[in-house]
């Protein structure tokens, strides 16, 4: 029984790390691609820089919200928005 529970915890931790990385990399990649595309269309080559940072902020916000949800679940279902 103990080994099964430990394997489940390892699998859940791996899944969470994978979700964090996907939630961070996808917005960065999409926003950077949009910035490169817009830069090529308009002739403004530095256009990808602000879009890259928009992607970083979006991904960071997403990871932060997911981490807060995970922490609230591990603390016994406390809702972090209401503070109870």
PDB file of N, CA and C in Angstrom:
ATOM      1  N   UNK A   1       0.812  -1.202   0.000  1.00  0.00           N
ATOM      2  CA  UNK A   1       0.000   0.000   0.000  1.00  0.00           C
ATOM      3  C   UNK A   1       0.855   1.265   0.000  1.00  0.00           C
ATOM      4  N   UNK A   2       1.917   1.281   0.800  1.00  0.00           N
ATOM      5  CA  UNK A   2       2.738   2.475   0.903  1.00  0.00           C
ATOM      6  C   UNK A   2       3.385   2.829  -0.437  1.00  0.00           C
ATOM      7  N   UNK A   3       3.853   1.809  -1.165  1.00  0.00           N
ATOM      8  CA  UNK A   3       4.518   2.066  -2.430  1.00  0.00           C
ATOM      9  C   UNK A   3       3.541   2.652  -3.447  1.00  0.00           C
ATOM     10  N   UNK A   4       2.319   2.189  -3.435  1.00  0.00           N
ATOM     11  CA  UNK A   4       1.306   2.707  -4.357  1.00  0.00           C
ATOM     12  C   UNK A   4       1.007   4.175  -4.074  1.00  0.00           C
ATOM     13  N   UNK A   5       0.906   4.522  -2.787  1.00  0.00           N
ATOM     14  CA  UNK A   5       0.641   5.907  -2.411  1.00  0.00           C
ATOM     15  C   UNK A   5       1.818   6.806  -2.795  1.00  0.00           C
ATOM     16  N   UNK A   6       3.034   6.309  -2.596  1.00  0.00           N
ATOM     17  CA  UNK A   6       4.218   7.082  -2.946  1.00  0.00           C
ATOM     18  C   UNK A   6       4.307   7.278  -4.459  1.00  0.00           C
ATOM     19  N   UNK A   7       4.001   6.236  -5.227  1.00  0.00           N
ATOM     20  CA  UNK A   7       4.013   6.356  -6.682  1.00  0.00           C
ATOM     21  C   UNK A   7       2.976   7.368  -7.153  1.00  0.00           C
ATOM     22  N   UNK A   8       1.827   7.391  -6.514  1.00  0.00           N
ATOM     23  CA  UNK A   8       0.790   8.354  -6.888  1.00  0.00           C
ATOM     24  C   UNK A   8       1.258   9.790  -6.617  1.00  0.00           C
ATOM     25  N   UNK A   9       1.920  10.005  -5.490  1.00  0.00           N
ATOM     26  CA  UNK A   9       2.420  11.337  -5.170  1.00  0.00           C
ATOM     27  C   UNK A   9       3.485  11.783  -6.168  1.00  0.00           C
ATOM     28  N   UNK A  10       4.345  10.874  -6.580  1.00  0.00           N
ATOM     29  CA  UNK A  10       5.375  11.200  -7.567  1.00  0.00           C
ATOM     30  C   UNK A  10       4.708  11.545  -8.896  1.00  0.00           C
ATOM     31  N   UNK A  11       3.714  10.768  -9.302  1.00  0.00           N
ATOM     32  CA  UNK A  11       3.006  11.026 -10.547  1.00  0.00           C
ATOM     33  C   UNK A  11       2.287  12.370 -10.502  1.00  0.00           C
ATOM     34  N   UNK A  12       1.649  12.689  -9.375  1.00  0.00           N
ATOM     35  CA  UNK A  12       0.966  13.974  -9.239  1.00  0.00           C
ATOM     36  C   UNK A  12       1.951  15.141  -9.294  1.00  0.00           C
ATOM     37  N   UNK A  13       3.115  14.988  -8.667  1.00  0.00           N
ATOM     38  CA  UNK A  13       4.133  16.037  -8.704  1.00  0.00           C
ATOM     39  C   UNK A  13       4.660  16.225 -10.125  1.00  0.00           C
ATOM     40  N   UNK A  14       4.896  15.126 -10.841  1.00  0.00           N
ATOM     41  CA  UNK A  14       5.349  15.216 -12.222  1.00  0.00           C
ATOM     42  C   UNK A  14       4.305  15.893 -13.099  1.00  0.00           C
ATOM     43  N   UNK A  15       3.049  15.560 -12.895  1.00  0.00           N
ATOM     44  CA  UNK A  15       1.961  16.167 -13.661  1.00  0.00           C
ATOM     45  C   UNK A  15       1.888  17.668 -13.391  1.00  0.00           C
ATOM     46  N   UNK A  16       2.045  18.069 -12.142  1.00  0.00           N
ATOM     47  CA  UNK A  16       1.992  19.481 -11.797  1.00  0.00           C
ATOM     48  C   UNK A  16       3.148  20.254 -12.448  1.00  0.00           C
ATOM     49  N   UNK A  17       4.348  19.693 -12.431  1.00  0.00           N
ATOM     50  CA  UNK A  17       5.489  20.349 -13.059  1.00  0.00           C
ATOM     51  C   UNK A  17       5.259  20.471 -14.567  1.00  0.00           C
ATOM     52  N   UNK A  18       4.705  19.443 -15.175  1.00  0.00           N
ATOM     53  CA  UNK A  18       4.403  19.479 -16.601  1.00  0.00           C
ATOM     54  C   UNK A  18       3.358  20.550 -16.914  1.00  0.00           C
ATOM     55  N   UNK A  19       2.336  20.659 -16.078  1.00  0.00           N
ATOM     56  CA  UNK A  19       1.314  21.694 -16.274  1.00  0.00           C
ATOM     57  C   UNK A  19       1.912  23.091 -16.111  1.00  0.00           C
ATOM     58  N   UNK A  20       2.780  23.272 -15.131  1.00  0.00           N
ATOM     59  CA  UNK A  20       3.434  24.569 -14.949  1.00  0.00           C
ATOM     60  C   UNK A  20       4.229  24.948 -16.194  1.00  0.00           C
ATOM     61  N   UNK A  21       4.987  23.996 -16.720  1.00  0.00           N
ATOM     62  CA  UNK A  21       5.821  24.311 -17.881  1.00  0.00           C
ATOM     63  C   UNK A  21       4.973  24.607 -19.114  1.00  0.00           C
ATOM     64  N   UNK A  22       3.907  23.866 -19.320  1.00  0.00           N
ATOM     65  CA  UNK A  22       3.026  24.126 -20.464  1.00  0.00           C
ATOM     66  C   UNK A  22       2.353  25.476 -20.304  1.00  0.00           C
ATOM     67  N   UNK A  23       1.874  25.772 -19.094  1.00  0.00           N
ATOM     68  CA  UNK A  23       1.212  27.056 -18.858  1.00  0.00           C
ATOM     69  C   UNK A  23       2.156  28.233 -19.000  1.00  0.00           C
ATOM     70  N   UNK A  24       3.441  28.023 -18.881  1.00  0.00           N
ATOM     71  CA  UNK A  24       4.405  29.109 -19.038  1.00  0.00           C
ATOM     72  C   UNK A  24       4.891  29.217 -20.480  1.00  0.00           C
ATOM     73  N   UNK A  25       5.155  28.098 -21.131  1.00  0.00           N
ATOM     74  CA  UNK A  25       5.768  28.120 -22.452  1.00  0.00           C
ATOM     75  C   UNK A  25       4.798  28.457 -23.582  1.00  0.00           C
ATOM     76  N   UNK A  26       3.566  28.006 -23.494  1.00  0.00           N
ATOM     77  CA  UNK A  26       2.618  28.247 -24.583  1.00  0.00           C
ATOM     78  C   UNK A  26       2.325  29.736 -24.778  1.00  0.00           C
ATOM     79  N   UNK A  27       1.979  30.500 -23.738  1.00  0.00           N
ATOM     80  CA  UNK A  27       1.746  31.929 -23.968  1.00  0.00           C
ATOM     81  C   UNK A  27       2.985  32.666 -24.477  1.00  0.00           C
ATOM     82  N   UNK A  28       4.162  32.282 -23.983  1.00  0.00           N
ATOM     83  CA  UNK A  28       5.386  32.929 -24.452  1.00  0.00           C
ATOM     84  C   UNK A  28       5.593  32.639 -25.934  1.00  0.00           C
ATOM     85  N   UNK A  29       5.431  31.390 -26.316  1.00  0.00           N
ATOM     86  CA  UNK A  29       5.623  31.021 -27.717  1.00  0.00           C
ATOM     87  C   UNK A  29       4.620  31.680 -28.643  1.00  0.00           C
ATOM     88  N   UNK A  30       3.354  31.681 -28.244  1.00  0.00           N
ATOM     89  CA  UNK A  30       2.304  32.269 -29.080  1.00  0.00           C
ATOM     90  C   UNK A  30       2.506  33.777 -29.213  1.00  0.00           C
ATOM     91  N   UNK A  31       2.745  34.457 -28.097  1.00  0.00           N
ATOM     92  CA  UNK A  31       2.919  35.910 -28.154  1.00  0.00           C
ATOM     93  C   UNK A  31       4.179  36.290 -28.933  1.00  0.00           C
ATOM     94  N   UNK A  32       5.253  35.530 -28.786  1.00  0.00           N
ATOM     95  CA  UNK A  32       6.465  35.808 -29.549  1.00  0.00           C
ATOM     96  C   UNK A  32       6.223  35.606 -31.041  1.00  0.00           C
ATOM     97  N   UNK A  33       5.511  34.542 -31.396  1.00  0.00           N
ATOM     98  CA  UNK A  33       5.204  34.298 -32.806  1.00  0.00           C
ATOM     99  C   UNK A  33       4.344  35.425 -33.382  1.00  0.00           C
ATOM    100  N   UNK A  34       3.373  35.893 -32.615  1.00  0.00           N
ATOM    101  CA  UNK A  34       2.541  37.014 -33.067  1.00  0.00           C
ATOM    102  C   UNK A  34       3.404  38.266 -33.240  1.00  0.00           C
ATOM    103  N   UNK A  35       4.325  38.506 -32.309  1.00  0.00           N
ATOM    104  CA  UNK A  35       5.207  39.660 -32.407  1.00  0.00           C
ATOM    105  C   UNK A  35       6.114  39.595 -33.619  1.00  0.00           C
ATOM    106  N   UNK A  36       6.656  38.413 -33.919  1.00  0.00           N
ATOM    107  CA  UNK A  36       7.505  38.251 -35.102  1.00  0.00           C
ATOM    108  C   UNK A  36       6.674  38.472 -36.363  1.00  0.00           C
ATOM    109  N   UNK A  37       5.480  37.896 -36.393  1.00  0.00           N
ATOM    110  CA  UNK A  37       4.613  38.056 -37.557  1.00  0.00           C
ATOM    111  C   UNK A  37       4.247  39.524 -37.789  1.00  0.00           C
ATOM    112  N   UNK A  38       3.843  40.195 -36.703  1.00  0.00           N
ATOM    113  CA  UNK A  38       3.516  41.619 -36.827  1.00  0.00           C
ATOM    114  C   UNK A  38       4.737  42.441 -37.230  1.00  0.00           C
ATOM    115  N   UNK A  39       5.893  42.098 -36.686  1.00  0.00           N
ATOM    116  CA  UNK A  39       7.115  42.802 -37.040  1.00  0.00           C
ATOM    117  C   UNK A  39       7.455  42.655 -38.520  1.00  0.00           C
ATOM    118  N   UNK A  40       7.262  41.470 -39.042  1.00  0.00           N
ATOM    119  CA  UNK A  40       7.524  41.248 -40.462  1.00  0.00           C
ATOM    120  C   UNK A  40       6.498  41.967 -41.343  1.00  0.00           C
ATOM    121  N   UNK A  41       5.255  42.013 -40.882  1.00  0.00           N
ATOM    122  CA  UNK A  41       4.205  42.678 -41.675  1.00  0.00           C
ATOM    123  C   UNK A  41       4.370  44.206 -41.674  1.00  0.00           C
ATOM    124  N   UNK A  42       4.774  44.764 -40.545  1.00  0.00           N
ATOM    125  CA  UNK A  42       4.848  46.220 -40.427  1.00  0.00           C
ATOM    126  C   UNK A  42       6.246  46.778 -40.676  1.00  0.00           C
ATOM    127  N   UNK A  43       7.248  45.919 -40.673  1.00  0.00           N
ATOM    128  CA  UNK A  43       8.618  46.388 -40.848  1.00  0.00           C
ATOM    129  C   UNK A  43       9.262  46.862 -39.558  1.00  0.00           C
ATOM    130  N   UNK A  44       8.584  46.669 -38.427  1.00  0.00           N
ATOM    131  CA  UNK A  44       9.136  47.047 -37.123  1.00  0.00           C
ATOM    132  C   UNK A  44       9.725  45.770 -36.505  1.00  0.00           C
ATOM    133  N   UNK A  45      11.037  45.610 -36.630  1.00  0.00           N
ATOM    134  CA  UNK A  45      11.676  44.354 -36.241  1.00  0.00           C
ATOM    135  C   UNK A  45      11.662  44.095 -34.738  1.00  0.00           C
ATOM    136  N   UNK A  46      11.593  45.116 -33.926  1.00  0.00           N
ATOM    137  CA  UNK A  46      11.630  44.932 -32.474  1.00  0.00           C
ATOM    138  C   UNK A  46      10.247  44.653 -31.890  1.00  0.00           C
ATOM    139  N   UNK A  47       9.246  44.458 -32.741  1.00  0.00           N
ATOM    140  CA  UNK A  47       7.872  44.251 -32.277  1.00  0.00           C
ATOM    141  C   UNK A  47       7.723  42.995 -31.414  1.00  0.00           C
ATOM    142  N   UNK A  48       8.587  41.997 -31.596  1.00  0.00           N
ATOM    143  CA  UNK A  48       8.458  40.767 -30.813  1.00  0.00           C
ATOM    144  C   UNK A  48       8.833  40.962 -29.351  1.00  0.00           C
ATOM    145  N   UNK A  49       9.640  41.966 -29.037  1.00  0.00           N
ATOM    146  CA  UNK A  49      10.101  42.165 -27.661  1.00  0.00           C
ATOM    147  C   UNK A  49       8.933  42.451 -26.710  1.00  0.00           C
ATOM    148  N   UNK A  50       8.062  43.434 -26.998  1.00  0.00           N
ATOM    149  CA  UNK A  50       6.946  43.647 -26.067  1.00  0.00           C
ATOM    150  C   UNK A  50       5.979  42.466 -26.030  1.00  0.00           C
ATOM    151  N   UNK A  51       5.798  41.790 -27.166  1.00  0.00           N
ATOM    152  CA  UNK A  51       4.908  40.631 -27.169  1.00  0.00           C
ATOM    153  C   UNK A  51       5.497  39.481 -26.362  1.00  0.00           C
ATOM    154  N   UNK A  52       6.818  39.334 -26.379  1.00  0.00           N
ATOM    155  CA  UNK A  52       7.467  38.326 -25.550  1.00  0.00           C
ATOM    156  C   UNK A  52       7.173  38.594 -24.072  1.00  0.00           C
ATOM    157  N   UNK A  53       7.314  39.856 -23.652  1.00  0.00           N
ATOM    158  CA  UNK A  53       7.065  40.181 -22.247  1.00  0.00           C
ATOM    159  C   UNK A  53       5.587  40.053 -21.884  1.00  0.00           C
ATOM    160  N   UNK A  54       4.706  40.332 -22.828  1.00  0.00           N
ATOM    161  CA  UNK A  54       3.277  40.088 -22.585  1.00  0.00           C
ATOM    162  C   UNK A  54       3.043  38.597 -22.353  1.00  0.00           C
ATOM    163  N   UNK A  55       3.698  37.752 -23.145  1.00  0.00           N
ATOM    164  CA  UNK A  55       3.587  36.306 -22.960  1.00  0.00           C
ATOM    165  C   UNK A  55       4.137  35.852 -21.621  1.00  0.00           C
ATOM    166  N   UNK A  56       5.260  36.453 -21.200  1.00  0.00           N
ATOM    167  CA  UNK A  56       5.847  36.113 -19.890  1.00  0.00           C
ATOM    168  C   UNK A  56       4.877  36.483 -18.766  1.00  0.00           C
ATOM    169  N   UNK A  57       4.301  37.670 -18.852  1.00  0.00           N
ATOM    170  CA  UNK A  57       3.345  38.095 -17.821  1.00  0.00           C
ATOM    171  C   UNK A  57       2.112  37.202 -17.811  1.00  0.00           C
ATOM    172  N   UNK A  58       1.621  36.851 -18.983  1.00  0.00           N
ATOM    173  CA  UNK A  58       0.446  35.988 -19.071  1.00  0.00           C
ATOM    174  C   UNK A  58       0.739  34.597 -18.508  1.00  0.00           C
ATOM    175  N   UNK A  59       1.865  34.026 -18.893  1.00  0.00           N
ATOM    176  CA  UNK A  59       2.240  32.705 -18.382  1.00  0.00           C
ATOM    177  C   UNK A  59       2.492  32.724 -16.892  1.00  0.00           C
ATOM    178  N   UNK A  60       3.156  33.770 -16.408  1.00  0.00           N
ATOM    179  CA  UNK A  60       3.410  33.880 -14.969  1.00  0.00           C
ATOM    180  C   UNK A  60       2.136  34.000 -14.167  1.00  0.00           C
ATOM    181  N   UNK A  61       1.191  34.772 -14.685  1.00  0.00           N
ATOM    182  CA  UNK A  61      -0.106  34.902 -14.008  1.00  0.00           C
ATOM    183  C   UNK A  61      -0.831  33.567 -13.963  1.00  0.00           C
ATOM    184  N   UNK A  62      -0.784  32.839 -15.064  1.00  0.00           N
ATOM    185  CA  UNK A  62      -1.442  31.542 -15.126  1.00  0.00           C
ATOM    186  C   UNK A  62      -0.822  30.552 -14.143  1.00  0.00           C
ATOM    187  N   UNK A  63       0.498  30.519 -14.085  1.00  0.00           N
ATOM    188  CA  UNK A  63       1.185  29.616 -13.161  1.00  0.00           C
ATOM    189  C   UNK A  63       0.894  30.009 -11.717  1.00  0.00           C
ATOM    190  N   UNK A  64       0.868  31.307 -11.432  1.00  0.00           N
ATOM    191  CA  UNK A  64       0.572  31.786 -10.081  1.00  0.00           C
ATOM    192  C   UNK A  64      -0.828  31.352  -9.645  1.00  0.00           C
ATOM    193  N   UNK A  65      -1.808  31.535 -10.527  1.00  0.00           N
ATOM    194  CA  UNK A  65      -3.176  31.143 -10.186  1.00  0.00           C
ATOM    195  C   UNK A  65      -3.287  29.637  -9.967  1.00  0.00           C
ATOM    196  N   UNK A  66      -2.600  28.862 -10.805  1.00  0.00           N
ATOM    197  CA  UNK A  66      -2.646  27.412 -10.650  1.00  0.00           C
ATOM    198  C   UNK A  66      -1.970  26.989  -9.349  1.00  0.00           C
ATOM    199  N   UNK A  67      -0.867  27.626  -8.997  1.00  0.00           N
ATOM    200  CA  UNK A  67      -0.184  27.297  -7.750  1.00  0.00           C
ATOM    201  C   UNK A  67      -1.054  27.651  -6.546  1.00  0.00           C
ATOM    202  N   UNK A  68      -1.748  28.790  -6.623  1.00  0.00           N
ATOM    203  CA  UNK A  68      -2.648  29.165  -5.522  1.00  0.00           C
ATOM    204  C   UNK A  68      -3.766  28.142  -5.352  1.00  0.00           C
ATOM    205  N   UNK A  69      -4.329  27.677  -6.474  1.00  0.00           N
ATOM    206  CA  UNK A  69      -5.381  26.652  -6.396  1.00  0.00           C
ATOM    207  C   UNK A  69      -4.841  25.368  -5.789  1.00  0.00           C
ATOM    208  N   UNK A  70      -3.635  24.971  -6.174  1.00  0.00           N
ATOM    209  CA  UNK A  70      -3.031  23.762  -5.634  1.00  0.00           C
ATOM    210  C   UNK A  70      -2.788  23.888  -4.138  1.00  0.00           C
ATOM    211  N   UNK A  71      -2.287  25.036  -3.711  1.00  0.00           N
ATOM    212  CA  UNK A  71      -2.028  25.267  -2.285  1.00  0.00           C
ATOM    213  C   UNK A  71      -3.328  25.269  -1.495  1.00  0.00           C
ATOM    214  N   UNK A  72      -4.369  25.901  -2.051  1.00  0.00           N
ATOM    215  CA  UNK A  72      -5.638  25.946  -1.323  1.00  0.00           C
ATOM    216  C   UNK A  72      -6.243  24.548  -1.195  1.00  0.00           C
ATOM    217  N   UNK A  73      -6.066  23.714  -2.210  1.00  0.00           N
ATOM    218  CA  UNK A  73      -6.570  22.342  -2.115  1.00  0.00           C
ATOM    219  C   UNK A  73      -5.792  21.545  -1.089  1.00  0.00           C
ATOM    220  N   UNK A  74      -4.475  21.752  -1.014  1.00  0.00           N
ATOM    221  CA  UNK A  74      -3.665  20.983  -0.080  1.00  0.00           C
ATOM    222  C   UNK A  74      -3.867  21.441   1.365  1.00  0.00           C
ATOM    223  N   UNK A  75      -4.411  22.641   1.558  1.00  0.00           N
ATOM    224  CA  UNK A  75      -4.683  23.133   2.908  1.00  0.00           C
ATOM    225  C   UNK A  75      -6.085  22.779   3.372  1.00  0.00           C
ATOM    226  N   UNK A  76      -6.760  21.919   2.668  1.00  0.00           N
ATOM    227  CA  UNK A  76      -8.069  21.471   3.122  1.00  0.00           C
ATOM    228  C   UNK A  76      -9.226  22.226   2.520  1.00  0.00           C
ATOM    229  N   UNK A  77      -9.069  22.741   1.334  1.00  0.00           N
ATOM    230  CA  UNK A  77     -10.187  23.362   0.641  1.00  0.00           C
ATOM    231  C   UNK A  77     -10.431  24.808   0.965  1.00  0.00           C
ATOM    232  N   UNK A  78      -9.462  25.491   1.563  1.00  0.00           N
ATOM    233  CA  UNK A  78      -9.642  26.916   1.835  1.00  0.00           C
ATOM    234  C   UNK A  78      -9.703  27.674   0.521  1.00  0.00           C
ATOM    235  N   UNK A  79     -10.566  28.643   0.452  1.00  0.00           N
ATOM    236  CA  UNK A  79     -10.691  29.465  -0.751  1.00  0.00           C
ATOM    237  C   UNK A  79      -9.796  30.683  -0.591  1.00  0.00           C
ATOM    238  N   UNK A  80      -8.799  30.828  -1.456  1.00  0.00           N
ATOM    239  CA  UNK A  80      -7.844  31.924  -1.309  1.00  0.00           C
ATOM    240  C   UNK A  80      -8.439  33.253  -1.660  1.00  0.00           C
ATOM    241  N   UNK A  81      -9.534  33.295  -2.406  1.00  0.00           N
ATOM    242  CA  UNK A  81     -10.136  34.584  -2.776  1.00  0.00           C
ATOM    243  C   UNK A  81     -10.879  35.203  -1.592  1.00  0.00           C
ATOM    244  N   UNK A  82     -11.579  34.376  -0.844  1.00  0.00           N
ATOM    245  CA  UNK A  82     -12.357  34.930   0.263  1.00  0.00           C
ATOM    246  C   UNK A  82     -11.542  35.046   1.546  1.00  0.00           C
ATOM    247  N   UNK A  83     -10.394  34.345   1.578  1.00  0.00           N
ATOM    248  CA  UNK A  83      -9.543  34.433   2.754  1.00  0.00           C
ATOM    249  C   UNK A  83     -10.018  33.579   3.916  1.00  0.00           C
ATOM    250  N   UNK A  84     -10.999  32.703   3.685  1.00  0.00           N
ATOM    251  CA  UNK A  84     -11.485  31.856   4.778  1.00  0.00           C
ATOM    252  C   UNK A  84     -10.841  30.505   4.760  1.00  0.00           C
TER     253      UNK A  84
END
